[in-house]
C-alpha atoms as a PDB file:
ATOM      1  CA  MET A   1       0.000   0.000   0.000  1.00  0.00           C
ATOM      2  CA  ARG A   2       2.812   2.422   0.852  1.00  0.00           C
ATOM      3  CA  THR A   3       4.580   1.549  -2.395  1.00  0.00           C
ATOM      4  CA  THR A   4       1.463   2.402  -4.392  1.00  0.00           C
ATOM      5  CA  ALA A   5       1.002   5.696  -2.544  1.00  0.00           C
ATOM      6  CA  LEU A   6       4.651   6.574  -3.087  1.00  0.00           C
ATOM      7  CA  LEU A   7       4.369   5.764  -6.792  1.00  0.00           C
ATOM      8  CA  VAL A   8       1.250   7.928  -7.143  1.00  0.00           C
ATOM      9  CA  CYS A   9       3.006  10.823  -5.368  1.00  0.00           C
ATOM     10  CA  CYS A  10       6.072  10.526  -7.588  1.00  0.00           C
ATOM     11  CA  LEU A  11       3.946  10.491 -10.742  1.00  0.00           C
ATOM     12  CA  ALA A  12       1.998  13.519  -9.535  1.00  0.00           C
ATOM     13  CA  ILE A  13       5.220  15.435  -8.893  1.00  0.00           C
ATOM     14  CA  ALA A  14       6.784  14.390 -12.203  1.00  0.00           C
ATOM     15  CA  GLY A  15       3.613  15.162 -14.117  1.00  0.00           C
ATOM     16  CA  CYS A  16       2.492  13.514 -17.296  1.00  0.00           C
ATOM     17  CA  GLY A  17       5.208  15.073 -19.447  1.00  0.00           C
ATOM     18  CA  ASN A  18       6.901  11.715 -19.953  1.00  0.00           C
ATOM     19  CA  PHE A  19       3.778  10.066 -21.338  1.00  0.00           C
ATOM     20  CA  PRO A  20       2.482  10.964 -24.802  1.00  0.00           C
ATOM     21  CA  GLU A  21      -0.863  12.693 -25.053  1.00  0.00           C
ATOM     22  CA  SER A  22      -1.415  11.128 -28.483  1.00  0.00           C
ATOM     23  CA  CYS A  23       0.593   9.558 -31.311  1.00  0.00           C
ATOM     24  CA  PHE A  24       0.247   9.570 -35.096  1.00  0.00           C
ATOM     25  CA  ASP A  25       1.876   8.208 -38.241  1.00  0.00           C
ATOM     26  CA  LEU A  26       2.690  10.356 -41.267  1.00  0.00           C
ATOM     27  CA  SER A  27       0.486   9.643 -44.283  1.00  0.00           C
ATOM     28  CA  SER A  28       2.407   7.944 -47.073  1.00  0.00           C
ATOM     29  CA  ALA A  29       0.910  10.609 -49.387  1.00  0.00           C
ATOM     30  CA  SER A  30       2.594  13.420 -47.433  1.00  0.00           C
ATOM     31  CA  ARG A  31       6.077  14.831 -47.726  1.00  0.00           C
ATOM     32  CA  LEU A  32       8.513  14.484 -44.841  1.00  0.00           C
ATOM     33  CA  PRO A  33       8.751  17.337 -42.322  1.00  0.00           C
ATOM     34  CA  LYS A  34      11.434  19.872 -43.314  1.00  0.00           C
ATOM     35  CA  TRP A  35      13.776  18.887 -40.498  1.00  0.00           C
ATOM     36  CA  PHE A  36      14.241  15.380 -41.922  1.00  0.00           C
ATOM     37  CA  SER A  37      16.261  14.371 -44.962  1.00  0.00           C
ATOM     38  CA  LEU A  38      16.632  10.863 -46.232  1.00  0.00           C
ATOM     39  CA  PRO A  39      20.028   9.215 -46.531  1.00  0.00           C
ATOM     40  CA  ALA A  40      21.267   8.553 -50.062  1.00  0.00           C
ATOM     41  CA  GLY A  41      19.564   5.513 -51.494  1.00  0.00           C
ATOM     42  CA  THR A  42      16.516   5.682 -49.218  1.00  0.00           C
ATOM     43  CA  LEU A  43      13.245   6.260 -51.058  1.00  0.00           C
ATOM     44  CA  ARG A  44      10.343   8.234 -49.544  1.00  0.00           C
ATOM     45  CA  GLU A  45       8.012   5.261 -49.978  1.00  0.00           C
ATOM     46  CA  ASN A  46      10.331   3.249 -47.695  1.00  0.00           C
ATOM     47  CA  ALA A  47      10.357   5.909 -44.980  1.00  0.00           C
ATOM     48  CA  THR A  48       7.883   6.305 -42.141  1.00  0.00           C
ATOM     49  CA  VAL A  49       7.508   8.979 -39.473  1.00  0.00           C
ATOM     50  CA  HIS A  50       5.912   8.432 -36.084  1.00  0.00           C
ATOM     51  CA  MET A  51       4.972  11.501 -34.022  1.00  0.00           C
ATOM     52  CA  CYS A  52       3.797  11.874 -30.415  1.00  0.00           C
ATOM     53  CA  TYR A  53       2.529  14.993 -28.648  1.00  0.00           C
ATOM     54  CA  PHE A  54       3.502  15.693 -25.039  1.00  0.00           C
ATOM     55  CA  VAL A  55       2.195  18.213 -22.541  1.00  0.00           C
ATOM     56  CA  LYS A  56       4.935  19.264 -20.139  1.00  0.00           C
ATOM     57  CA  GLN A  57       5.234  21.906 -17.464  1.00  0.00           C
ATOM     58  CA  THR A  58       7.342  23.937 -19.898  1.00  0.00           C
ATOM     59  CA  GLY A  59       4.755  23.698 -22.705  1.00  0.00           C
ATOM     60  CA  ARG A  60       3.674  21.384 -25.474  1.00  0.00           C
ATOM     61  CA  THR A  61       6.230  19.401 -27.474  1.00  0.00           C
ATOM     62  CA  ALA A  62       6.228  16.816 -30.234  1.00  0.00           C
ATOM     63  CA  SER A  63       8.690  14.018 -30.847  1.00  0.00           C
ATOM     64  CA  PHE A  64       9.308  12.539 -34.293  1.00  0.00           C
ATOM     65  CA  VAL A  65      11.025   9.302 -35.272  1.00  0.00           C
ATOM     66  CA  LEU A  66      12.046   8.723 -38.886  1.00  0.00           C
ATOM     67  CA  ARG A  67      12.463   5.084 -39.889  1.00  0.00           C
ATOM     68  CA  GLY A  68      13.674   3.536 -43.108  1.00  0.00           C
ATOM     69  CA  ALA A  69      13.399   0.112 -44.644  1.00  0.00           C
ATOM     70  CA  HIS A  70      13.241  -2.773 -42.178  1.00  0.00           C
ATOM     71  CA  ASP A  71      12.086  -0.326 -39.446  1.00  0.00           C
ATOM     72  CA  GLN A  72      15.637   1.031 -39.034  1.00  0.00           C
ATOM     73  CA  LYS A  73      15.693   4.254 -36.982  1.00  0.00           C
ATOM     74  CA  LEU A  74      17.252   6.980 -39.138  1.00  0.00           C
ATOM     75  CA  ALA A  75      16.620  10.043 -36.964  1.00  0.00           C
ATOM     76  CA  GLU A  76      14.775  11.220 -33.870  1.00  0.00           C
ATOM     77  CA  VAL A  77      13.982  14.840 -32.994  1.00  0.00           C
ATOM     78  CA  GLU A  78      11.882  16.813 -30.536  1.00  0.00           C
ATOM     79  CA  GLY A  79      10.228  20.124 -31.299  1.00  0.00           C
ATOM     80  CA  THR A  80       8.188  22.786 -29.603  1.00  0.00           C
ATOM     81  CA  ASP A  81       4.525  23.192 -30.353  1.00  0.00           C
ATOM     82  CA  ARG A  82       3.235  26.765 -30.636  1.00  0.00           C
ATOM     83  CA  GLY A  83       0.270  27.671 -28.471  1.00  0.00           C
ATOM     84  CA  LEU A  84      -1.840  25.821 -25.986  1.00  0.00           C
ATOM     85  CA  GLU A  85      -4.102  23.917 -28.366  1.00  0.00           C
ATOM     86  CA  PRO A  86      -4.509  22.938 -32.023  1.00  0.00           C
ATOM     87  CA  LEU A  87      -5.415  25.715 -34.448  1.00  0.00           C
ATOM     88  CA  THR A  88      -8.300  25.771 -36.926  1.00  0.00           C
ATOM     89  CA  LEU A  89      -9.146  27.979 -39.880  1.00  0.00           C
ATOM     90  CA  ARG A  90     -11.745  30.769 -39.699  1.00  0.00           C
ATOM     91  CA  GLN A  91     -13.482  29.257 -42.739  1.00  0.00           C
ATOM     92  CA  PRO A  92     -12.689  25.531 -42.834  1.00  0.00           C
ATOM     93  CA  PRO A  93     -12.977  23.859 -46.232  1.00  0.00           C
ATOM     94  CA  ALA A  94     -16.104  21.840 -46.992  1.00  0.00           C
ATOM     95  CA  GLY A  95     -16.121  18.109 -46.452  1.00  0.00           C
ATOM     96  CA  PHE A  96     -14.259  17.987 -43.118  1.00  0.00           C
ATOM     97  CA  PRO A  97     -15.739  16.853 -39.802  1.00  0.00           C
ATOM     98  CA  PRO A  98     -16.428  19.619 -37.240  1.00  0.00           C
ATOM     99  CA  GLY A  99     -13.168  20.932 -35.715  1.00  0.00           C
ATOM    100  CA  TYR A 100     -11.088  19.756 -38.667  1.00  0.00           C
ATOM    101  CA  PRO A 101      -8.740  20.250 -40.296  1.00  0.00           C
ATOM    102  CA  SER A 102      -6.685  21.221 -37.259  1.00  0.00           C
ATOM    103  CA  PHE A 103      -3.089  22.369 -37.315  1.00  0.00           C
ATOM    104  CA  GLU A 104      -0.020  22.345 -35.103  1.00  0.00           C
ATOM    105  CA  ILE A 105       2.926  24.676 -35.688  1.00  0.00           C
ATOM    106  CA  ILE A 106       6.055  22.741 -34.734  1.00  0.00           C
ATOM    107  CA  THR A 107       9.609  24.063 -34.618  1.00  0.00           C
ATOM    108  CA  VAL A 108      12.618  21.726 -34.515  1.00  0.00           C
ATOM    109  CA  ALA A 109      16.128  23.233 -34.365  1.00  0.00           C
ATOM    110  CA  GLY A 110      14.845  26.550 -35.717  1.00  0.00           C
ATOM    111  CA  ILE A 111      12.944  24.954 -38.619  1.00  0.00           C
ATOM    112  CA  THR A 112       9.156  25.390 -38.555  1.00  0.00           C
ATOM    113  CA  ASP A 113       6.595  23.210 -40.292  1.00  0.00           C
ATOM    114  CA  VAL A 114       2.808  22.963 -40.138  1.00  0.00           C
ATOM    115  CA  ILE A 115       1.310  19.627 -39.140  1.00  0.00           C
ATOM    116  CA  GLU A 116      -2.255  18.914 -40.279  1.00  0.00           C
ATOM    117  CA  HIS A 117      -4.869  16.586 -38.835  1.00  0.00           C
ATOM    118  CA  ARG A 118      -7.776  16.021 -41.232  1.00  0.00           C
ATOM    119  CA  ARG A 119     -10.025  13.946 -38.993  1.00  0.00           C
ATOM    120  CA  MET A 120      -9.912  11.992 -35.769  1.00  0.00           C
ATOM    121  CA  GLU A 121      -7.537   9.251 -36.870  1.00  0.00           C
ATOM    122  CA  PRO A 122      -3.945   8.226 -36.048  1.00  0.00           C
ATOM    123  CA  VAL A 123      -2.613   9.878 -39.232  1.00  0.00           C
ATOM    124  CA  PHE A 124      -1.022  13.290 -39.802  1.00  0.00           C
ATOM    125  CA  TYR A 125       0.046  15.292 -42.841  1.00  0.00           C
ATOM    126  CA  VAL A 126       2.561  18.055 -43.492  1.00  0.00           C
ATOM    127  CA  ASN A 127       0.765  21.119 -44.888  1.00  0.00           C
ATOM    128  CA  ASP A 128       2.195  23.129 -47.805  1.00  0.00           C
ATOM    129  CA  ASN A 129      -0.753  25.446 -48.538  1.00  0.00           C
ATOM    130  CA  PRO A 130       0.498  29.079 -48.485  1.00  0.00           C
ATOM    131  CA  ALA A 131      -3.006  30.373 -47.603  1.00  0.00           C
ATOM    132  CA  VAL A 132      -3.128  28.105 -44.527  1.00  0.00           C
ATOM    133  CA  TRP A 133       0.372  29.149 -43.438  1.00  0.00           C
ATOM    134  CA  SER A 134      -0.567  32.808 -43.838  1.00  0.00           C
ATOM    135  CA  GLU A 135      -3.787  32.490 -41.823  1.00  0.00           C
ATOM    136  CA  LEU A 136      -1.897  30.663 -39.079  1.00  0.00           C
ATOM    137  CA  GLY A 137       0.718  33.441 -38.994  1.00  0.00           C
ATOM    138  CA  VAL A 138       3.597  31.301 -40.224  1.00  0.00           C
ATOM    139  CA  SER A 139       6.019  32.474 -42.900  1.00  0.00           C
ATOM    140  CA  GLN A 140       7.244  29.984 -45.470  1.00  0.00           C
END
């Protein structure tokens, strides 16, 4: 009983920053985030990206893992997420569920990219639409 209470206290002090809020996989139809480049000889169709969001005491972050053929880890980065919640457009395009598309502005090592979620699913996209970037206040 004391061990359980101690564990609960430690987790409360540490917060939930070590546990992902949610995780997603990059759509195979999407380009890679700007902070990743593939090694020579690796094709985009053989690369996958897994992303997880975290909420920490210092703010929101996202971690990304790039994998190549045979699930080989090629790179891993962590970035900061702008704002306190996902962003939406003033006039969302037709055909999306309510609240979507939603966007996250992520910066890794000084490089910013816009992550897009099109519906409630474990998939994300990298957005390249200049109108979306402009409305979100991000310069390309």
